[in-house]
Protein backbone atom coordinates (compact mmCIF):
# COMPACT_ATOMS: atom_id res chain seq x y z
CA UNK A 1 -35.05 -5.37 -20.16
CA UNK A 2 -32.67 -6.55 -18.62
CA UNK A 3 -34.31 -10.12 -17.92
CA UNK A 4 -34.25 -12.43 -21.39
CA UNK A 5 -37.79 -13.60 -21.86
CA UNK A 6 -36.99 -17.25 -20.43
CA UNK A 7 -36.11 -15.83 -17.22
CA UNK A 8 -39.36 -14.19 -16.87
CA UNK A 9 -42.15 -15.76 -14.83
CA UNK A 10 -45.79 -14.07 -15.35
CA UNK A 11 -48.52 -15.33 -12.36
CA UNK A 12 -52.08 -13.97 -12.26
CA UNK A 13 -51.54 -13.92 -8.88
CA UNK A 14 -48.79 -14.34 -6.17
CA UNK A 15 -47.80 -17.99 -5.71
CA UNK A 16 -49.91 -19.00 -8.71
CA UNK A 17 -48.91 -21.31 -11.42
CA UNK A 18 -46.73 -19.78 -13.97
CA UNK A 19 -48.46 -18.90 -17.07
CA UNK A 20 -46.86 -20.68 -20.42
CA UNK A 21 -45.80 -18.70 -23.10
CA UNK A 22 -48.37 -19.61 -25.54
CA UNK A 23 -51.40 -18.20 -23.62
CA UNK A 24 -52.11 -14.61 -25.19
CA UNK A 25 -53.06 -11.69 -22.28
CA UNK A 26 -56.39 -10.96 -23.91
CA UNK A 27 -57.21 -14.73 -23.56
CA UNK A 28 -56.86 -14.11 -19.62
CA UNK A 29 -58.51 -10.96 -19.50
CA UNK A 30 -62.03 -10.69 -17.76
CA UNK A 31 -61.75 -7.16 -17.84
CA UNK A 32 -60.04 -4.22 -18.91
CA UNK A 33 -57.76 -4.53 -16.26
CA UNK A 34 -55.24 -7.32 -15.73
CA UNK A 35 -52.64 -7.75 -13.39
CA UNK A 36 -49.55 -9.37 -13.48
CA UNK A 37 -46.93 -10.65 -11.26
CA UNK A 38 -43.41 -11.01 -12.54
CA UNK A 39 -40.97 -13.07 -10.79
CA UNK A 40 -37.08 -13.65 -11.65
CA UNK A 41 -36.94 -17.56 -12.30
CA UNK A 42 -33.30 -16.72 -12.41
CA UNK A 43 -30.25 -18.00 -14.72
CA UNK A 44 -31.77 -20.81 -17.24
CA UNK A 45 -29.99 -23.25 -19.26
CA UNK A 46 -31.62 -25.10 -22.22
CA UNK A 47 -33.09 -28.37 -21.49
CA UNK A 48 -31.86 -29.88 -24.89
CA UNK A 49 -28.38 -29.46 -23.82
CA UNK A 50 -29.39 -30.80 -20.52
CA UNK A 51 -30.46 -34.24 -22.04
CA UNK A 52 -28.05 -34.19 -25.03
CA UNK A 53 -25.04 -33.86 -22.18
CA UNK A 54 -26.89 -36.49 -19.90
CA UNK A 55 -27.79 -39.40 -22.83
CA UNK A 56 -25.60 -38.73 -25.76
CA UNK A 57 -22.29 -39.62 -23.47
CA UNK A 58 -23.43 -43.41 -23.13
CA UNK A 59 -23.94 -43.80 -26.89
CA UNK A 60 -20.67 -42.64 -27.46
CA UNK A 61 -19.23 -44.50 -24.86
CA UNK A 62 -21.05 -47.91 -25.65
CA UNK A 63 -19.16 -47.42 -28.92
CA UNK A 64 -16.16 -46.78 -27.59
CA UNK A 65 -15.61 -49.89 -25.41
CA UNK A 66 -17.26 -51.95 -28.65
CA UNK A 67 -14.21 -50.47 -30.81
CA UNK A 68 -12.14 -52.16 -27.80
CA UNK A 69 -9.80 -49.45 -27.59
CA UNK A 70 -6.04 -50.31 -26.78
CA UNK A 71 -6.20 -48.45 -23.76
CA UNK A 72 -9.11 -50.85 -22.61
CA UNK A 73 -8.53 -54.13 -23.54
CA UNK A 74 -5.52 -56.22 -24.66
CA UNK A 75 -5.04 -55.73 -28.27
CA UNK A 76 -3.44 -59.05 -28.86
CA UNK A 77 -6.39 -61.02 -26.84
CA UNK A 78 -9.02 -58.84 -28.87
CA UNK A 79 -7.28 -59.95 -32.08
CA UNK A 80 -7.22 -63.69 -30.91
CA UNK A 81 -10.41 -64.13 -29.20
CA UNK A 82 -13.82 -64.48 -31.68
CA UNK A 83 -16.73 -61.95 -30.77
CA UNK A 84 -20.09 -63.96 -30.38
CA UNK A 85 -22.76 -62.44 -32.52
CA UNK A 86 -24.38 -61.26 -29.16
CA UNK A 87 -21.87 -58.42 -28.83
CA UNK A 88 -22.88 -57.37 -32.28
CA UNK A 89 -26.19 -57.31 -31.18
CA UNK A 90 -25.88 -55.56 -28.28
CA UNK A 91 -24.42 -52.52 -29.91
CA UNK A 92 -27.39 -52.37 -31.99
CA UNK A 93 -30.06 -52.97 -29.92
CA UNK A 94 -28.19 -50.23 -27.14
CA UNK A 95 -27.54 -47.56 -29.74
CA UNK A 96 -31.44 -47.99 -31.12
CA UNK A 97 -32.59 -47.58 -27.63
CA UNK A 98 -30.32 -44.70 -26.58
CA UNK A 99 -31.48 -42.75 -30.26
CA UNK A 100 -35.16 -43.71 -29.52
CA UNK A 101 -34.74 -41.85 -26.06
CA UNK A 102 -33.27 -38.84 -27.07
CA UNK A 103 -35.49 -38.17 -29.86
CA UNK A 104 -38.38 -38.95 -27.03
CA UNK A 105 -36.60 -36.72 -24.92
CA UNK A 106 -36.22 -33.82 -27.26
CA UNK A 107 -39.68 -34.01 -27.96
CA UNK A 108 -41.18 -33.43 -24.71
CA UNK A 109 -38.48 -31.46 -22.89
CA UNK A 110 -39.62 -28.10 -22.04
CA UNK A 111 -37.61 -24.94 -23.18
CA UNK A 112 -35.60 -24.10 -20.47
CA UNK A 113 -34.67 -25.12 -16.51
CA UNK A 114 -33.47 -23.05 -13.63
CA UNK A 115 -29.40 -23.40 -13.95
CA UNK A 116 -29.57 -24.31 -9.83
CA UNK A 117 -30.47 -27.91 -11.48
CA UNK A 118 -27.16 -28.71 -13.16
CA UNK A 119 -26.25 -30.38 -10.21
CA UNK A 120 -28.78 -33.07 -11.58
CA UNK A 121 -27.06 -33.37 -14.35
CA UNK A 122 -23.80 -34.03 -12.85
CA UNK A 123 -25.65 -36.36 -11.03
CA UNK A 124 -27.33 -38.11 -13.80
CA UNK A 125 -23.90 -38.25 -16.25
CA UNK A 126 -22.67 -40.04 -13.06
CA UNK A 127 -25.00 -42.45 -12.81
CA UNK A 128 -25.66 -43.18 -16.77
CA UNK A 129 -21.90 -42.75 -17.31
CA UNK A 130 -20.73 -44.78 -15.05
CA UNK A 131 -23.20 -47.88 -15.61
CA UNK A 132 -22.64 -47.64 -19.27
CA UNK A 133 -19.30 -48.10 -18.70
CA UNK A 134 -19.27 -50.89 -16.60
CA UNK A 135 -22.38 -52.71 -19.08
CA UNK A 136 -19.86 -51.99 -22.32
CA UNK A 137 -16.37 -53.22 -20.19
CA UNK A 138 -18.15 -56.41 -19.73
CA UNK A 139 -19.91 -57.37 -22.56
CA UNK A 140 -17.06 -56.18 -25.10
CA UNK A 141 -14.49 -57.75 -23.08
CA UNK A 142 -12.68 -60.37 -25.49
CA UNK A 143 -13.11 -63.03 -22.52
CA UNK A 144 -16.91 -61.99 -22.73
CA UNK A 145 -18.76 -65.72 -21.78
CA UNK A 146 -22.10 -65.75 -24.28
CA UNK A 147 -25.56 -66.43 -22.65
CA UNK A 148 -25.96 -70.24 -21.20
CA UNK A 149 -28.34 -71.57 -23.20
CA UNK A 150 -26.99 -70.08 -26.81
CA UNK A 151 -28.93 -68.76 -29.88
CA UNK A 152 -32.20 -69.52 -29.01
CA UNK A 153 -32.08 -67.62 -25.63
CA UNK A 154 -30.39 -64.62 -27.50
CA UNK A 155 -33.00 -64.87 -30.19
CA UNK A 156 -36.20 -64.79 -28.01
CA UNK A 157 -34.99 -61.59 -25.36
CA UNK A 158 -33.96 -59.88 -28.61
CA UNK A 159 -37.34 -60.24 -29.94
CA UNK A 160 -38.76 -59.42 -26.50
CA UNK A 161 -36.51 -56.54 -26.59
CA UNK A 162 -37.81 -54.78 -30.05
CA UNK A 163 -41.35 -55.79 -29.24
CA UNK A 164 -41.04 -53.80 -25.91
CA UNK A 165 -38.99 -50.96 -28.02
CA UNK A 166 -42.06 -50.36 -30.28
CA UNK A 167 -44.15 -50.19 -27.67
CA UNK A 168 -42.46 -47.65 -26.01
CA UNK A 169 -42.05 -45.57 -29.43
CA UNK A 170 -46.04 -45.72 -29.81
CA UNK A 171 -47.06 -45.07 -26.21
CA UNK A 172 -45.22 -41.94 -26.55
CA UNK A 173 -46.36 -41.05 -29.73
CA UNK A 174 -49.61 -41.45 -28.63
CA UNK A 175 -48.64 -39.13 -25.67
CA UNK A 176 -47.13 -36.80 -28.08
CA UNK A 177 -50.58 -36.45 -29.98
CA UNK A 178 -52.40 -36.10 -27.05
CA UNK A 179 -50.03 -32.91 -26.00
CA UNK A 180 -49.90 -31.45 -29.18
CA UNK A 181 -53.28 -31.35 -29.84
CA UNK A 182 -54.25 -29.95 -26.51
CA UNK A 183 -56.92 -32.71 -25.07
CA UNK A 184 -55.58 -33.11 -21.95
CA UNK A 185 -59.31 -33.30 -20.20
CA UNK A 186 -59.36 -37.40 -20.90
CA UNK A 187 -57.17 -40.23 -20.54
CA UNK A 188 -55.32 -41.50 -23.39
CA UNK A 189 -57.46 -44.40 -24.91
CA UNK A 190 -56.03 -47.42 -26.65
CA UNK A 191 -56.52 -47.23 -30.60
CA UNK A 192 -56.02 -50.05 -33.36
CA UNK A 193 -52.78 -49.50 -32.38
CA UNK A 194 -51.77 -53.18 -30.40
CA UNK A 195 -49.09 -51.97 -28.71
CA UNK A 196 -51.52 -48.93 -27.10
CA UNK A 197 -53.80 -51.61 -25.73
CA UNK A 198 -51.54 -51.67 -22.85
CA UNK A 199 -53.45 -48.60 -21.51
CA UNK A 200 -56.71 -50.60 -20.61
CA UNK A 201 -54.16 -51.98 -17.49
CA UNK A 202 -51.85 -49.36 -16.65
CA UNK A 203 -51.48 -45.92 -16.50
CA UNK A 204 -47.73 -45.70 -17.31
CA UNK A 205 -47.49 -48.25 -20.02
CA UNK A 206 -44.24 -46.38 -21.16
CA UNK A 207 -42.64 -47.22 -18.25
CA UNK A 208 -43.84 -50.88 -18.39
CA UNK A 209 -42.40 -51.21 -21.79
CA UNK A 210 -39.24 -49.56 -20.91
CA UNK A 211 -38.54 -52.08 -18.02
CA UNK A 212 -39.24 -55.04 -20.36
CA UNK A 213 -36.63 -53.71 -22.51
CA UNK A 214 -33.93 -53.78 -19.91
CA UNK A 215 -35.32 -56.95 -18.86
CA UNK A 216 -35.01 -58.52 -22.01
CA UNK A 217 -31.26 -56.62 -22.66
CA UNK A 218 -30.36 -58.67 -19.40
CA UNK A 219 -31.30 -62.02 -20.29
CA UNK A 220 -30.01 -61.64 -24.23
CA UNK A 221 -26.61 -60.68 -22.32
CA UNK A 222 -26.85 -62.51 -19.62
CA UNK A 223 -24.34 -59.98 -17.75
CA UNK A 224 -24.22 -59.14 -13.81
CA UNK A 225 -24.47 -55.22 -14.65
CA UNK A 226 -27.22 -55.28 -16.82
CA UNK A 227 -29.13 -56.84 -14.49
CA UNK A 228 -27.80 -54.94 -11.56
CA UNK A 229 -28.54 -51.42 -13.59
CA UNK A 230 -32.57 -53.15 -14.57
CA UNK A 231 -33.17 -53.58 -11.32
CA UNK A 232 -32.40 -50.16 -10.03
CA UNK A 233 -34.33 -48.78 -13.47
CA UNK A 234 -37.37 -51.00 -12.73
CA UNK A 235 -37.40 -49.69 -9.09
CA UNK A 236 -37.06 -45.96 -10.21
CA UNK A 237 -39.60 -46.10 -12.87
CA UNK A 238 -42.23 -47.80 -10.50
CA UNK A 239 -41.98 -45.01 -8.03
CA UNK A 240 -42.45 -42.64 -10.81
CA UNK A 241 -44.86 -44.33 -12.43
CA UNK A 242 -46.85 -44.22 -8.88
CA UNK A 243 -46.24 -40.59 -8.66
CA UNK A 244 -48.03 -40.11 -12.17
CA UNK A 245 -50.62 -42.53 -11.16
CA UNK A 246 -51.57 -40.56 -8.72
CA UNK A 247 -51.88 -37.35 -10.42
CA UNK A 248 -53.78 -39.22 -12.86
CA UNK A 249 -56.28 -40.36 -10.32
CA UNK A 250 -56.95 -36.77 -9.37
CA UNK A 251 -57.64 -35.81 -13.03
CA UNK A 252 -59.21 -38.85 -14.37
CA UNK A 253 -60.63 -40.47 -11.27
CA UNK A 254 -63.31 -42.76 -13.54
CA UNK A 255 -60.70 -43.58 -16.12
CA UNK A 256 -57.82 -44.88 -13.86
CA UNK A 257 -59.39 -46.17 -10.73
CA UNK A 258 -59.27 -49.77 -11.75
CA UNK A 259 -55.75 -49.80 -13.37
CA UNK A 260 -52.37 -50.14 -12.01
CA UNK A 261 -49.64 -47.78 -12.25
CA UNK A 262 -46.74 -49.86 -14.02
CA UNK A 263 -47.27 -53.59 -13.87
CA UNK A 264 -50.97 -55.05 -12.92
CA UNK A 265 -51.41 -56.52 -9.61
CA UNK A 266 -47.66 -55.93 -9.02
CA UNK A 267 -47.24 -52.06 -9.19
């Protein structure tokens, strides 16, 4: 009784997988006697707190730079210089992207994680908060230089960004539906929604759309910090995609063997 439920790990065999909270003991029983092995998982922290801390910060940071605080920019210069429309469009797209990302994370995360992973939280905050500050500082700066090809470049890139965001949303909805329905015995298949047709080519289309969003945002703002962040994110997501692809190959080999992990031919 001295351990709260989220700290308790139960297994059917030593060093075996931990049983999910939704599993009933009756469904596990093959006889009148069931042996469960108890493990203290250590102090736990809610995943919701974990992700809200990591990803709500960039949202607030970007808005602080957008309003051009006097402690960041020169107020005389801020009032004198005209804001290019892409600056306003950038804050809308950033808020849209981060809000959707937070909602997705809240939908998929597990209830708790070990407290020892708190070091990962500090690393994630340093990375995302730091890059958001760098990106927001340049885009919202009074001397910000708009894209070379003007409104045409901004419009096409913004359209590509919205398409990628929509695709990312619908892919995650499809994955969530599969998880909630308990149908994990087959690989997700495309539906009548054209955004899900990317399942025909790659095993991790959510990463494909995410990479497309960052590349589009880079073209739209034509800013070096965004380009560096997009480059790092594409590399990181390609590693995640290849790791997932290997797992999919073990579970759904006939359906996945002809697919790429993230980008056809390249990844």
